[in-house]
Each structure stands twice: as C-alpha cells, then as structure tokens.
Protein backbone atom coordinates (compact mmCIF):
# COMPACT_ATOMS: atom_id res chain seq x y z
CA UNK A 1 -11.46 -86.35 -10.60
CA UNK A 2 -12.88 -83.37 -12.49
CA UNK A 3 -15.77 -83.08 -10.06
CA UNK A 4 -13.68 -82.92 -6.87
CA UNK A 5 -10.28 -81.54 -7.98
CA UNK A 6 -11.13 -77.92 -7.20
CA UNK A 7 -12.66 -78.85 -3.84
CA UNK A 8 -9.61 -80.93 -2.86
CA UNK A 9 -7.28 -78.12 -3.92
CA UNK A 10 -9.07 -75.76 -1.51
CA UNK A 11 -8.83 -78.36 1.26
CA UNK A 12 -5.08 -78.72 0.70
CA UNK A 13 -4.63 -74.95 0.43
CA UNK A 14 -6.40 -74.41 3.75
CA UNK A 15 -3.73 -76.53 5.43
CA UNK A 16 -0.65 -75.43 3.46
CA UNK A 17 -1.36 -71.79 2.51
CA UNK A 18 0.71 -72.20 -0.65
CA UNK A 19 -0.85 -72.60 -4.08
CA UNK A 20 2.10 -74.56 -5.51
CA UNK A 21 2.20 -76.94 -2.57
CA UNK A 22 -1.59 -77.30 -2.62
CA UNK A 23 -1.46 -78.28 -6.30
CA UNK A 24 1.19 -80.93 -5.59
CA UNK A 25 -0.71 -82.33 -2.63
CA UNK A 26 -3.99 -82.35 -4.59
CA UNK A 27 -2.35 -84.48 -7.28
CA UNK A 28 -0.92 -86.86 -4.67
CA UNK A 29 -4.30 -87.07 -2.94
CA UNK A 30 -6.08 -87.85 -6.21
CA UNK A 31 -3.60 -90.65 -6.90
CA UNK A 32 -4.08 -92.00 -3.38
CA UNK A 33 -7.88 -91.82 -3.71
CA UNK A 34 -7.76 -93.68 -7.02
CA UNK A 35 -5.46 -96.36 -5.62
CA UNK A 36 -7.63 -96.72 -2.50
CA UNK A 37 -11.00 -96.97 -4.27
CA UNK A 38 -11.18 -100.78 -3.77
CA UNK A 39 -11.04 -100.22 0.03
CA UNK A 40 -13.75 -97.53 -0.01
CA UNK A 41 -16.71 -98.69 2.11
CA UNK A 42 -19.42 -96.54 0.46
CA UNK A 43 -19.98 -94.32 3.50
CA UNK A 44 -19.58 -90.59 2.90
CA UNK A 45 -17.40 -90.30 -0.21
CA UNK A 46 -16.72 -86.57 0.17
CA UNK A 47 -15.72 -87.03 3.83
CA UNK A 48 -13.44 -89.91 2.85
CA UNK A 49 -11.63 -87.96 0.10
CA UNK A 50 -11.38 -84.89 2.33
CA UNK A 51 -9.73 -86.96 5.07
CA UNK A 52 -7.20 -88.39 2.57
CA UNK A 53 -6.38 -84.91 1.26
CA UNK A 54 -6.02 -83.37 4.74
CA UNK A 55 -3.73 -86.22 5.80
CA UNK A 56 -1.61 -85.79 2.64
CA UNK A 57 -1.38 -82.03 3.29
CA UNK A 58 -0.39 -82.54 6.93
CA UNK A 59 2.25 -85.10 5.94
CA UNK A 60 3.60 -82.71 3.31
CA UNK A 61 3.73 -79.82 5.80
CA UNK A 62 5.56 -81.99 8.34
CA UNK A 63 8.12 -83.04 5.74
CA UNK A 64 8.76 -79.38 4.85
CA UNK A 65 9.24 -78.53 8.53
CA UNK A 66 11.67 -81.44 8.99
CA UNK A 67 13.71 -80.26 6.00
CA UNK A 68 13.73 -76.70 7.35
CA UNK A 69 14.81 -77.92 10.80
CA UNK A 70 17.64 -79.96 9.32
CA UNK A 71 18.92 -76.92 7.45
CA UNK A 72 18.73 -74.53 10.38
CA UNK A 73 19.68 -76.87 13.23
CA UNK A 74 22.95 -77.97 11.68
CA UNK A 75 24.59 -75.00 9.96
CA UNK A 76 27.91 -76.82 9.85
CA UNK A 77 26.41 -79.18 7.25
CA UNK A 78 26.65 -76.32 4.79
CA UNK A 79 30.39 -76.98 4.66
CA UNK A 80 31.35 -79.64 2.09
CA UNK A 81 32.94 -82.80 3.45
CA UNK A 82 35.90 -84.25 1.56
CA UNK A 83 34.99 -87.86 0.62
CA UNK A 84 38.66 -88.95 0.67
CA UNK A 85 38.92 -88.58 4.48
CA UNK A 86 39.92 -91.58 6.53
CA UNK A 87 37.60 -92.90 9.22
CA UNK A 88 39.74 -91.23 11.89
CA UNK A 89 39.56 -87.87 10.10
CA UNK A 90 35.81 -88.27 9.73
CA UNK A 91 35.40 -88.98 13.46
CA UNK A 92 37.52 -85.93 14.32
CA UNK A 93 35.57 -83.83 11.84
CA UNK A 94 32.24 -84.95 13.36
CA UNK A 95 33.56 -84.20 16.86
CA UNK A 96 34.64 -80.73 15.73
CA UNK A 97 31.22 -80.08 14.18
CA UNK A 98 29.56 -81.12 17.43
CA UNK A 99 31.83 -78.75 19.39
CA UNK A 100 31.02 -75.90 17.00
CA UNK A 101 27.30 -76.52 17.46
CA UNK A 102 27.71 -76.58 21.27
CA UNK A 103 29.80 -73.41 21.27
CA UNK A 104 27.33 -71.62 19.02
CA UNK A 105 24.57 -72.62 21.43
CA UNK A 106 26.58 -71.12 24.31
CA UNK A 107 27.21 -67.86 22.44
CA UNK A 108 24.91 -64.93 23.30
CA UNK A 109 21.95 -64.84 20.92
CA UNK A 110 22.71 -61.43 19.37
CA UNK A 111 26.30 -62.51 18.57
CA UNK A 112 25.25 -65.94 17.29
CA UNK A 113 22.86 -64.40 14.76
CA UNK A 114 25.53 -62.28 13.09
CA UNK A 115 28.21 -64.98 13.26
CA UNK A 116 25.96 -67.56 11.60
CA UNK A 117 24.73 -65.05 9.02
CA UNK A 118 28.22 -63.80 8.12
CA UNK A 119 30.45 -66.87 8.44
CA UNK A 120 28.09 -69.76 7.74
CA UNK A 121 25.39 -68.29 5.51
CA UNK A 122 28.00 -66.04 3.80
CA UNK A 123 25.84 -62.92 3.92
CA UNK A 124 27.21 -59.41 3.53
CA UNK A 125 27.09 -56.79 6.28
CA UNK A 126 24.41 -55.00 4.24
CA UNK A 127 22.21 -58.13 3.98
CA UNK A 128 22.52 -58.79 7.71
CA UNK A 129 21.69 -55.17 8.53
CA UNK A 130 18.54 -55.30 6.39
CA UNK A 131 17.41 -58.67 7.83
CA UNK A 132 17.94 -57.58 11.42
CA UNK A 133 16.65 -54.04 10.91
CA UNK A 134 19.84 -52.42 12.22
CA UNK A 135 22.50 -50.12 10.81
CA UNK A 136 25.65 -51.30 9.06
CA UNK A 137 27.70 -49.99 11.98
CA UNK A 138 25.67 -52.12 14.40
CA UNK A 139 26.46 -55.25 12.37
CA UNK A 140 30.16 -54.35 12.40
CA UNK A 141 30.06 -53.81 16.16
CA UNK A 142 28.24 -57.07 16.80
CA UNK A 143 30.75 -59.03 14.71
CA UNK A 144 33.65 -57.34 16.47
CA UNK A 145 32.17 -58.12 19.89
CA UNK A 146 31.38 -61.69 18.79
CA UNK A 147 35.04 -62.18 17.80
CA UNK A 148 36.12 -60.82 21.19
CA UNK A 149 33.67 -63.15 22.93
CA UNK A 150 35.00 -66.11 20.91
CA UNK A 151 38.61 -65.28 21.78
CA UNK A 152 37.71 -65.09 25.45
CA UNK A 153 35.49 -68.20 25.70
CA UNK A 154 36.74 -70.67 23.08
CA UNK A 155 40.04 -72.33 23.84
CA UNK A 156 42.25 -73.02 20.81
CA UNK A 157 43.27 -76.48 22.02
CA UNK A 158 39.63 -77.60 21.78
CA UNK A 159 39.80 -77.22 18.00
CA UNK A 160 43.16 -78.96 17.54
C-alpha cells in the first residue's frame, strides 16, 4: 500500500481532476486491490493495480455525472412532495410535473434559463445577471418577456 498509494493517487487524479475525489477513489481502489489479491495471476502487478484504479475512477466519474444529470434534468424535483397525498393526488402531481418539464422544453432557451434560475433555483436578479454576464435590466426584461410568453402559450386548463 505504501509503495503504490502515491502512484495510484496520480492515476485517479488524471481521470478525475479533483484531489478530493482522487483521494477517495485511491482508497476504494486499494481496498479493491486487497480484496482481489487471491485472484491476481502474477502477471504485471503494476498494470493490474492501474487498471483497477482507472476503472474505479471512471465508475466514480460516471456516478457523479448521473447525479448531476438527475439534478439538472428534473428541476421540479426540487419542490418537496407532501407524503400525505393520496395515490390520485400523486398521479396528478406527477402528470403536472411532466407537463411542466415539457413546457419548459418548449420555452425559448433564453427565457427558460431565467425562469429556471429565478423560480426553481430561487436565485436573485443580481445572481442571474452575474451568471449570465448581462445587466440587471436585461434579467428583468427576460423575465417579463418569459411571463408574457407563458401567458400566451400555456393554457390555464392544462394545469387544473
């Protein structure tokens, strides 16, 4: 372990580009290597441990990307769901969430960005302006136009 820990850390870091994540993956890889020693076939030890570490790092990176996708692909999940809902209410709620997602997908990109940032991510006009590199007035205008677009394109009876 002492002999290869630094080497394995650098292998993990080359995949992940994060020192904290590389440390975690190095520890997982060392545990996996130790547990897998009985299966080792005495052919290129350094290659074998490198392959285990690279695979652990790739798996870790994929899991991070899946978590990120889940957070960004379903912004309506940021809203808490009341656990006392009946099955019917839950079905209606899920249908409404699906409609919101579809409508947000239909919304022009520049409007969708400010609507999601302001209403779902609960960011201030100032935060949005800084993130998008625009003036405060531009954020106000985009939100105003987004509201107009919503009034024109979303029918109230769809949200019943």
